[in-house]
């Protein structure tokens, strides 16, 4: 990891789907420039199978993904906090120092077919990755085919 990489926290309520996909996509698409972590205000017991399948279907890594409570990460030196659901924006904790925040809500596909998870994954890649890059002053390099 690049020593000058920016650290981004992606928040959602359960940290079981949208924030997990955002973490993986940010770490992949902005590799070496961003270190993304995700957490939940009320974490679920496990990452949604649909989220894992949507990531794996795009050739993205899923090993080690697990929901985490935001309280366990409050001592990290974040450069940006991103909320991907309205509840997480409202429940966002107070950090030890002021941090830039970005709110980009996405549909929660829990209980829906895999196509819904894939659509949310693609929306996160299309909207959130460029927004985070812009907020951090980074340029985006298109992923190699």
N, C-alpha and C. Protein backbone atom coordinates (compact mmCIF):
# COMPACT_ATOMS: atom_id res chain seq x y z
N UNK A 1 0.84 -1.18 0.00
CA UNK A 1 0.00 0.00 0.00
C UNK A 1 0.88 1.24 0.00
N UNK A 2 0.55 2.19 -0.82
CA UNK A 2 1.24 3.46 -0.92
C UNK A 2 1.12 4.21 0.40
N UNK A 3 2.22 4.73 0.91
CA UNK A 3 2.21 5.43 2.19
C UNK A 3 1.37 6.70 2.15
N UNK A 4 1.15 7.25 0.96
CA UNK A 4 0.35 8.47 0.85
C UNK A 4 -1.11 8.17 0.48
N UNK A 5 -1.49 6.91 0.50
CA UNK A 5 -2.87 6.54 0.17
C UNK A 5 -3.83 7.19 1.18
N UNK A 6 -4.95 7.63 0.67
CA UNK A 6 -6.00 8.21 1.50
C UNK A 6 -6.85 7.09 2.08
N UNK A 7 -7.28 7.24 3.32
CA UNK A 7 -8.10 6.23 3.97
C UNK A 7 -9.55 6.69 3.99
N UNK A 8 -10.43 5.82 3.48
CA UNK A 8 -11.85 6.13 3.34
C UNK A 8 -12.66 5.12 4.15
N UNK A 9 -13.61 5.62 4.91
CA UNK A 9 -14.55 4.77 5.64
C UNK A 9 -15.89 4.84 4.94
N UNK A 10 -16.43 3.67 4.57
CA UNK A 10 -17.74 3.58 3.94
C UNK A 10 -18.71 3.03 4.98
N UNK A 11 -19.76 3.80 5.27
CA UNK A 11 -20.73 3.42 6.29
C UNK A 11 -22.07 3.04 5.70
N UNK A 12 -22.67 2.03 6.30
CA UNK A 12 -24.03 1.62 5.99
C UNK A 12 -24.61 1.11 7.32
N UNK A 13 -25.86 0.79 7.33
CA UNK A 13 -26.47 0.31 8.57
C UNK A 13 -25.91 -1.06 8.96
N UNK A 14 -26.10 -2.06 8.08
CA UNK A 14 -25.73 -3.43 8.43
C UNK A 14 -24.35 -3.86 8.02
N UNK A 15 -23.67 -3.07 7.17
CA UNK A 15 -22.34 -3.43 6.65
C UNK A 15 -22.35 -4.85 6.07
N UNK A 16 -23.44 -5.16 5.36
CA UNK A 16 -23.58 -6.50 4.81
C UNK A 16 -23.71 -6.50 3.29
N UNK A 17 -23.80 -5.33 2.67
CA UNK A 17 -24.02 -5.33 1.23
C UNK A 17 -23.39 -4.11 0.56
N UNK A 18 -24.08 -2.97 0.58
CA UNK A 18 -23.63 -1.79 -0.17
C UNK A 18 -22.26 -1.30 0.28
N UNK A 19 -22.05 -1.18 1.58
CA UNK A 19 -20.75 -0.69 2.05
C UNK A 19 -19.63 -1.69 1.78
N UNK A 20 -19.95 -2.98 1.84
CA UNK A 20 -18.95 -4.00 1.52
C UNK A 20 -18.55 -3.92 0.04
N UNK A 21 -19.56 -3.79 -0.84
CA UNK A 21 -19.26 -3.67 -2.26
C UNK A 21 -18.46 -2.41 -2.54
N UNK A 22 -18.82 -1.30 -1.87
CA UNK A 22 -18.09 -0.05 -2.06
C UNK A 22 -16.64 -0.19 -1.60
N UNK A 23 -16.41 -0.84 -0.47
CA UNK A 23 -15.05 -1.06 0.02
C UNK A 23 -14.21 -1.80 -1.02
N UNK A 24 -14.74 -2.89 -1.54
CA UNK A 24 -14.00 -3.69 -2.52
C UNK A 24 -13.76 -2.89 -3.79
N UNK A 25 -14.79 -2.21 -4.29
CA UNK A 25 -14.64 -1.45 -5.53
C UNK A 25 -13.64 -0.30 -5.38
N UNK A 26 -13.69 0.42 -4.27
CA UNK A 26 -12.73 1.51 -4.05
C UNK A 26 -11.31 0.97 -3.97
N UNK A 27 -11.13 -0.12 -3.23
CA UNK A 27 -9.79 -0.70 -3.10
C UNK A 27 -9.27 -1.23 -4.43
N UNK A 28 -10.15 -1.70 -5.29
CA UNK A 28 -9.75 -2.20 -6.60
C UNK A 28 -9.52 -1.07 -7.59
N UNK A 29 -10.54 -0.21 -7.76
CA UNK A 29 -10.48 0.81 -8.81
C UNK A 29 -9.52 1.95 -8.48
N UNK A 30 -9.28 2.20 -7.20
CA UNK A 30 -8.34 3.26 -6.80
C UNK A 30 -7.14 2.66 -6.06
N UNK A 31 -6.77 1.47 -6.46
CA UNK A 31 -5.69 0.71 -5.81
C UNK A 31 -4.42 1.55 -5.68
N UNK A 32 -3.84 1.48 -4.47
CA UNK A 32 -2.60 2.19 -4.21
C UNK A 32 -2.79 3.64 -3.82
N UNK A 33 -3.96 4.20 -4.13
CA UNK A 33 -4.23 5.60 -3.80
C UNK A 33 -5.27 5.75 -2.71
N UNK A 34 -6.06 4.68 -2.51
CA UNK A 34 -7.10 4.69 -1.49
C UNK A 34 -7.05 3.37 -0.73
N UNK A 35 -7.21 3.47 0.56
CA UNK A 35 -7.40 2.31 1.43
C UNK A 35 -8.81 2.46 2.00
N UNK A 36 -9.73 1.66 1.50
CA UNK A 36 -11.11 1.74 1.95
C UNK A 36 -11.41 0.68 2.99
N UNK A 37 -12.17 1.07 3.99
CA UNK A 37 -12.69 0.17 5.01
C UNK A 37 -14.19 0.42 5.07
N UNK A 38 -14.94 -0.57 5.49
CA UNK A 38 -16.37 -0.37 5.64
C UNK A 38 -16.78 -0.80 7.04
N UNK A 39 -17.91 -0.23 7.47
CA UNK A 39 -18.44 -0.56 8.79
C UNK A 39 -19.92 -0.26 8.81
N UNK A 40 -20.59 -0.76 9.86
CA UNK A 40 -22.01 -0.53 10.00
C UNK A 40 -22.37 0.06 11.33
N UNK A 41 -23.47 0.79 11.35
CA UNK A 41 -23.97 1.34 12.60
C UNK A 41 -24.66 0.25 13.42
N UNK A 42 -25.20 -0.76 12.75
CA UNK A 42 -25.77 -1.95 13.38
C UNK A 42 -25.42 -3.16 12.50
N UNK A 43 -24.17 -3.64 12.59
CA UNK A 43 -23.70 -4.68 11.67
C UNK A 43 -24.50 -5.98 11.76
N UNK A 44 -24.69 -6.57 10.60
CA UNK A 44 -25.36 -7.87 10.48
C UNK A 44 -24.35 -8.98 10.79
N UNK A 45 -24.83 -10.21 10.95
CA UNK A 45 -23.91 -11.32 11.26
C UNK A 45 -22.96 -11.68 10.12
N UNK A 46 -23.39 -11.47 8.86
CA UNK A 46 -22.52 -11.85 7.73
C UNK A 46 -22.84 -10.98 6.52
N UNK A 47 -21.93 -11.00 5.57
CA UNK A 47 -22.11 -10.28 4.31
C UNK A 47 -23.15 -11.04 3.48
N UNK A 48 -24.03 -10.30 2.81
CA UNK A 48 -25.08 -10.90 2.00
C UNK A 48 -24.48 -11.75 0.88
N UNK A 49 -25.05 -12.92 0.67
CA UNK A 49 -24.57 -13.82 -0.39
C UNK A 49 -24.64 -13.14 -1.76
N UNK A 50 -25.68 -12.34 -1.98
CA UNK A 50 -25.82 -11.64 -3.26
C UNK A 50 -24.68 -10.65 -3.49
N UNK A 51 -24.23 -9.99 -2.43
CA UNK A 51 -23.11 -9.05 -2.56
C UNK A 51 -21.84 -9.80 -2.90
N UNK A 52 -21.61 -10.91 -2.23
CA UNK A 52 -20.43 -11.74 -2.52
C UNK A 52 -20.48 -12.22 -3.98
N UNK A 53 -21.64 -12.71 -4.41
CA UNK A 53 -21.78 -13.23 -5.77
C UNK A 53 -21.59 -12.11 -6.80
N UNK A 54 -22.12 -10.92 -6.52
CA UNK A 54 -21.98 -9.80 -7.47
C UNK A 54 -20.52 -9.38 -7.60
N UNK A 55 -19.80 -9.35 -6.50
CA UNK A 55 -18.38 -9.00 -6.54
C UNK A 55 -17.58 -10.08 -7.26
N UNK A 56 -17.82 -11.33 -6.88
CA UNK A 56 -17.09 -12.44 -7.50
C UNK A 56 -17.37 -12.51 -9.00
N UNK A 57 -18.61 -12.21 -9.39
CA UNK A 57 -18.98 -12.23 -10.79
C UNK A 57 -18.24 -11.20 -11.62
N UNK A 58 -17.74 -10.16 -10.97
CA UNK A 58 -16.95 -9.13 -11.65
C UNK A 58 -15.46 -9.39 -11.50
N UNK A 59 -15.11 -10.54 -10.93
CA UNK A 59 -13.70 -10.88 -10.76
C UNK A 59 -13.03 -10.14 -9.61
N UNK A 60 -13.83 -9.67 -8.65
CA UNK A 60 -13.29 -8.91 -7.53
C UNK A 60 -13.12 -9.81 -6.31
N UNK A 61 -12.14 -9.51 -5.45
CA UNK A 61 -11.87 -10.37 -4.29
C UNK A 61 -12.95 -10.24 -3.22
N UNK A 62 -13.27 -11.37 -2.58
CA UNK A 62 -14.27 -11.36 -1.51
C UNK A 62 -13.75 -12.02 -0.23
N UNK A 63 -12.57 -12.60 -0.28
CA UNK A 63 -12.02 -13.29 0.90
C UNK A 63 -11.87 -12.31 2.06
N UNK A 64 -12.29 -12.75 3.21
CA UNK A 64 -12.12 -11.96 4.42
C UNK A 64 -13.17 -10.90 4.66
N UNK A 65 -14.14 -10.73 3.75
CA UNK A 65 -15.17 -9.73 3.99
C UNK A 65 -16.06 -10.16 5.16
N UNK A 66 -16.26 -9.24 6.08
CA UNK A 66 -17.13 -9.51 7.22
C UNK A 66 -17.64 -8.17 7.78
N UNK A 67 -18.86 -8.16 8.30
CA UNK A 67 -19.39 -6.92 8.87
C UNK A 67 -18.60 -6.49 10.11
N UNK A 68 -18.44 -5.17 10.23
CA UNK A 68 -17.70 -4.59 11.34
C UNK A 68 -18.52 -3.44 11.94
N UNK A 69 -18.45 -3.25 13.22
CA UNK A 69 -19.11 -2.13 13.89
C UNK A 69 -18.25 -0.88 13.72
N UNK A 70 -18.88 0.23 13.43
CA UNK A 70 -18.14 1.48 13.23
C UNK A 70 -17.33 1.85 14.47
N UNK A 71 -17.81 1.50 15.63
CA UNK A 71 -17.09 1.83 16.87
C UNK A 71 -15.70 1.21 16.92
N UNK A 72 -15.50 0.11 16.22
CA UNK A 72 -14.20 -0.56 16.24
C UNK A 72 -13.17 0.17 15.37
N UNK A 73 -13.62 1.16 14.58
CA UNK A 73 -12.72 1.85 13.66
C UNK A 73 -12.54 3.34 13.98
N UNK A 74 -13.13 3.81 15.06
CA UNK A 74 -13.11 5.24 15.35
C UNK A 74 -11.72 5.82 15.56
N UNK A 75 -10.75 4.98 15.89
CA UNK A 75 -9.40 5.50 16.12
C UNK A 75 -8.56 5.55 14.85
N UNK A 76 -9.11 5.12 13.71
CA UNK A 76 -8.38 5.15 12.44
C UNK A 76 -8.27 6.59 11.93
N UNK A 77 -7.19 6.92 11.25
CA UNK A 77 -7.02 8.28 10.70
C UNK A 77 -7.66 8.41 9.30
N UNK A 78 -8.97 8.54 9.25
CA UNK A 78 -9.68 8.62 7.98
C UNK A 78 -9.51 9.99 7.33
N UNK A 79 -9.51 9.98 5.99
CA UNK A 79 -9.47 11.21 5.20
C UNK A 79 -10.86 11.59 4.69
N UNK A 80 -11.77 10.61 4.65
CA UNK A 80 -13.11 10.84 4.12
C UNK A 80 -14.04 9.78 4.69
N UNK A 81 -15.26 10.19 5.04
CA UNK A 81 -16.31 9.27 5.47
C UNK A 81 -17.43 9.34 4.45
N UNK A 82 -17.83 8.17 3.94
CA UNK A 82 -18.89 8.09 2.93
C UNK A 82 -20.03 7.26 3.49
N UNK A 83 -21.23 7.81 3.49
CA UNK A 83 -22.41 7.03 3.88
C UNK A 83 -23.15 6.63 2.62
N UNK A 84 -23.59 5.36 2.58
CA UNK A 84 -24.27 4.84 1.40
C UNK A 84 -25.74 4.51 1.67
N UNK A 85 -26.23 4.88 2.85
CA UNK A 85 -27.66 4.78 3.15
C UNK A 85 -28.04 5.92 4.08
N UNK A 86 -29.29 6.32 4.03
CA UNK A 86 -29.75 7.47 4.82
C UNK A 86 -29.62 7.21 6.31
N UNK A 87 -29.91 6.00 6.76
CA UNK A 87 -29.82 5.69 8.18
C UNK A 87 -28.39 5.87 8.70
N UNK A 88 -27.42 5.40 7.93
CA UNK A 88 -26.02 5.53 8.36
C UNK A 88 -25.62 7.01 8.41
N UNK A 89 -26.13 7.82 7.49
CA UNK A 89 -25.83 9.25 7.52
C UNK A 89 -26.35 9.86 8.81
N UNK A 90 -27.55 9.47 9.19
CA UNK A 90 -28.15 10.01 10.42
C UNK A 90 -27.46 9.48 11.68
N UNK A 91 -26.98 8.25 11.63
CA UNK A 91 -26.36 7.61 12.80
C UNK A 91 -24.84 7.74 12.83
N UNK A 92 -24.27 8.45 11.88
CA UNK A 92 -22.82 8.56 11.78
C UNK A 92 -22.24 9.10 13.09
N UNK A 93 -21.26 8.41 13.65
CA UNK A 93 -20.68 8.85 14.92
C UNK A 93 -19.84 10.12 14.77
N UNK A 94 -19.53 10.69 15.89
CA UNK A 94 -18.64 11.84 15.92
C UNK A 94 -17.22 11.29 15.99
N UNK A 95 -16.37 11.75 15.08
CA UNK A 95 -14.99 11.29 15.05
C UNK A 95 -14.11 12.23 15.86
N UNK A 96 -12.94 11.74 16.29
CA UNK A 96 -12.06 12.56 17.13
C UNK A 96 -11.62 13.88 16.48
N UNK A 97 -11.65 13.95 15.16
CA UNK A 97 -11.30 15.20 14.47
C UNK A 97 -12.31 15.41 13.34
N UNK A 98 -12.50 16.65 12.90
CA UNK A 98 -13.43 16.90 11.79
C UNK A 98 -12.98 16.18 10.53
N UNK A 99 -13.95 15.58 9.84
CA UNK A 99 -13.65 14.84 8.61
C UNK A 99 -14.60 15.25 7.50
N UNK A 100 -14.10 15.31 6.27
CA UNK A 100 -15.01 15.53 5.16
C UNK A 100 -15.96 14.33 5.04
N UNK A 101 -17.20 14.64 4.69
CA UNK A 101 -18.20 13.58 4.55
C UNK A 101 -18.87 13.68 3.19
N UNK A 102 -19.26 12.52 2.69
CA UNK A 102 -19.94 12.42 1.41
C UNK A 102 -21.10 11.46 1.61
N UNK A 103 -22.28 11.82 1.10
CA UNK A 103 -23.44 10.94 1.22
C UNK A 103 -23.94 10.60 -0.17
N UNK A 104 -23.89 9.32 -0.51
CA UNK A 104 -24.41 8.80 -1.77
C UNK A 104 -25.23 7.56 -1.47
N UNK A 105 -26.54 7.69 -1.33
CA UNK A 105 -27.36 6.52 -0.99
C UNK A 105 -27.59 5.62 -2.21
N UNK A 106 -27.66 4.32 -1.92
CA UNK A 106 -27.93 3.32 -2.94
C UNK A 106 -29.06 2.41 -2.46
N UNK A 107 -29.81 1.86 -3.39
CA UNK A 107 -30.89 0.93 -3.09
C UNK A 107 -30.35 -0.28 -2.34
N UNK A 108 -31.10 -0.77 -1.37
CA UNK A 108 -30.72 -1.97 -0.63
C UNK A 108 -31.34 -3.19 -1.32
N UNK A 109 -30.53 -4.05 -1.94
CA UNK A 109 -31.08 -5.19 -2.69
C UNK A 109 -31.35 -6.44 -1.86
N UNK A 110 -31.22 -6.37 -0.53
CA UNK A 110 -31.47 -7.56 0.30
C UNK A 110 -32.81 -8.19 -0.05
N UNK A 111 -32.80 -9.51 -0.19
CA UNK A 111 -34.02 -10.25 -0.47
C UNK A 111 -34.41 -10.25 -1.94
N UNK A 112 -33.62 -9.60 -2.76
CA UNK A 112 -33.92 -9.53 -4.19
C UNK A 112 -33.00 -10.47 -4.96
N UNK A 113 -33.30 -10.72 -6.25
CA UNK A 113 -32.45 -11.60 -7.06
C UNK A 113 -31.06 -11.01 -7.27
N UNK A 114 -30.14 -11.86 -7.71
CA UNK A 114 -28.75 -11.46 -7.94
C UNK A 114 -28.67 -10.25 -8.87
N UNK A 115 -29.54 -10.15 -9.86
CA UNK A 115 -29.51 -9.01 -10.78
C UNK A 115 -29.58 -7.67 -10.04
N UNK A 116 -30.33 -7.62 -8.94
CA UNK A 116 -30.44 -6.38 -8.16
C UNK A 116 -29.10 -6.04 -7.50
N UNK A 117 -28.40 -7.03 -7.00
CA UNK A 117 -27.08 -6.81 -6.39
C UNK A 117 -26.08 -6.34 -7.45
N UNK A 118 -26.16 -6.95 -8.63
CA UNK A 118 -25.26 -6.55 -9.71
C UNK A 118 -25.54 -5.11 -10.13
N UNK A 119 -26.81 -4.73 -10.19
CA UNK A 119 -27.17 -3.35 -10.55
C UNK A 119 -26.61 -2.37 -9.52
N UNK A 120 -26.73 -2.69 -8.24
CA UNK A 120 -26.21 -1.81 -7.19
C UNK A 120 -24.68 -1.76 -7.26
N UNK A 121 -24.04 -2.90 -7.48
CA UNK A 121 -22.58 -2.92 -7.65
C UNK A 121 -22.16 -1.98 -8.77
N UNK A 122 -22.84 -2.06 -9.89
CA UNK A 122 -22.49 -1.23 -11.04
C UNK A 122 -22.77 0.25 -10.78
N UNK A 123 -23.83 0.55 -10.03
CA UNK A 123 -24.12 1.95 -9.67
C UNK A 123 -23.06 2.50 -8.73
N UNK A 124 -22.62 1.67 -7.79
CA UNK A 124 -21.56 2.10 -6.87
C UNK A 124 -20.29 2.42 -7.67
N UNK A 125 -19.96 1.55 -8.61
CA UNK A 125 -18.76 1.78 -9.43
C UNK A 125 -18.91 3.05 -10.26
N UNK A 126 -20.08 3.26 -10.82
CA UNK A 126 -20.30 4.41 -11.71
C UNK A 126 -20.43 5.73 -10.96
N UNK A 127 -20.99 5.72 -9.76
CA UNK A 127 -21.24 6.97 -9.04
C UNK A 127 -20.30 7.22 -7.86
N UNK A 128 -20.10 6.20 -7.04
CA UNK A 128 -19.34 6.40 -5.80
C UNK A 128 -17.85 6.50 -6.04
N UNK A 129 -17.30 5.61 -6.86
CA UNK A 129 -15.85 5.63 -7.10
C UNK A 129 -15.41 6.99 -7.65
N UNK A 130 -16.07 7.53 -8.69
CA UNK A 130 -15.66 8.86 -9.17
C UNK A 130 -15.88 9.97 -8.14
N UNK A 131 -16.95 9.88 -7.35
CA UNK A 131 -17.22 10.91 -6.34
C UNK A 131 -16.14 10.91 -5.26
N UNK A 132 -15.72 9.73 -4.84
CA UNK A 132 -14.65 9.63 -3.84
C UNK A 132 -13.34 10.15 -4.43
N UNK A 133 -13.04 9.76 -5.65
CA UNK A 133 -11.82 10.24 -6.29
C UNK A 133 -11.82 11.76 -6.37
N UNK A 134 -12.95 12.33 -6.76
CA UNK A 134 -13.04 13.79 -6.85
C UNK A 134 -12.89 14.44 -5.48
N UNK A 135 -13.55 13.89 -4.47
CA UNK A 135 -13.48 14.45 -3.12
C UNK A 135 -12.05 14.43 -2.58
N UNK A 136 -11.27 13.46 -3.01
CA UNK A 136 -9.88 13.32 -2.54
C UNK A 136 -8.86 13.93 -3.50
N UNK A 137 -9.34 14.50 -4.60
CA UNK A 137 -8.44 15.12 -5.58
C UNK A 137 -7.64 14.13 -6.38
N UNK A 138 -8.21 12.95 -6.65
CA UNK A 138 -7.53 11.91 -7.40
C UNK A 138 -8.10 11.82 -8.81
N UNK A 139 -7.28 11.37 -9.74
CA UNK A 139 -7.79 11.09 -11.08
C UNK A 139 -8.07 9.58 -11.17
N UNK A 140 -9.03 9.24 -11.99
CA UNK A 140 -9.41 7.84 -12.14
C UNK A 140 -8.74 7.27 -13.37
N UNK A 141 -8.10 6.13 -13.18
CA UNK A 141 -7.53 5.37 -14.28
C UNK A 141 -8.54 4.29 -14.63
N UNK A 142 -9.04 4.25 -15.86
CA UNK A 142 -10.01 3.21 -16.21
C UNK A 142 -9.43 1.83 -15.97
N UNK A 143 -10.25 0.90 -15.44
CA UNK A 143 -9.75 -0.45 -15.20
C UNK A 143 -9.34 -1.11 -16.51
N UNK A 144 -8.25 -1.87 -16.46
CA UNK A 144 -7.80 -2.57 -17.66
C UNK A 144 -8.71 -3.75 -17.94
N UNK A 145 -8.92 -4.01 -19.18
CA UNK A 145 -9.82 -5.11 -19.58
C UNK A 145 -9.07 -6.41 -19.57
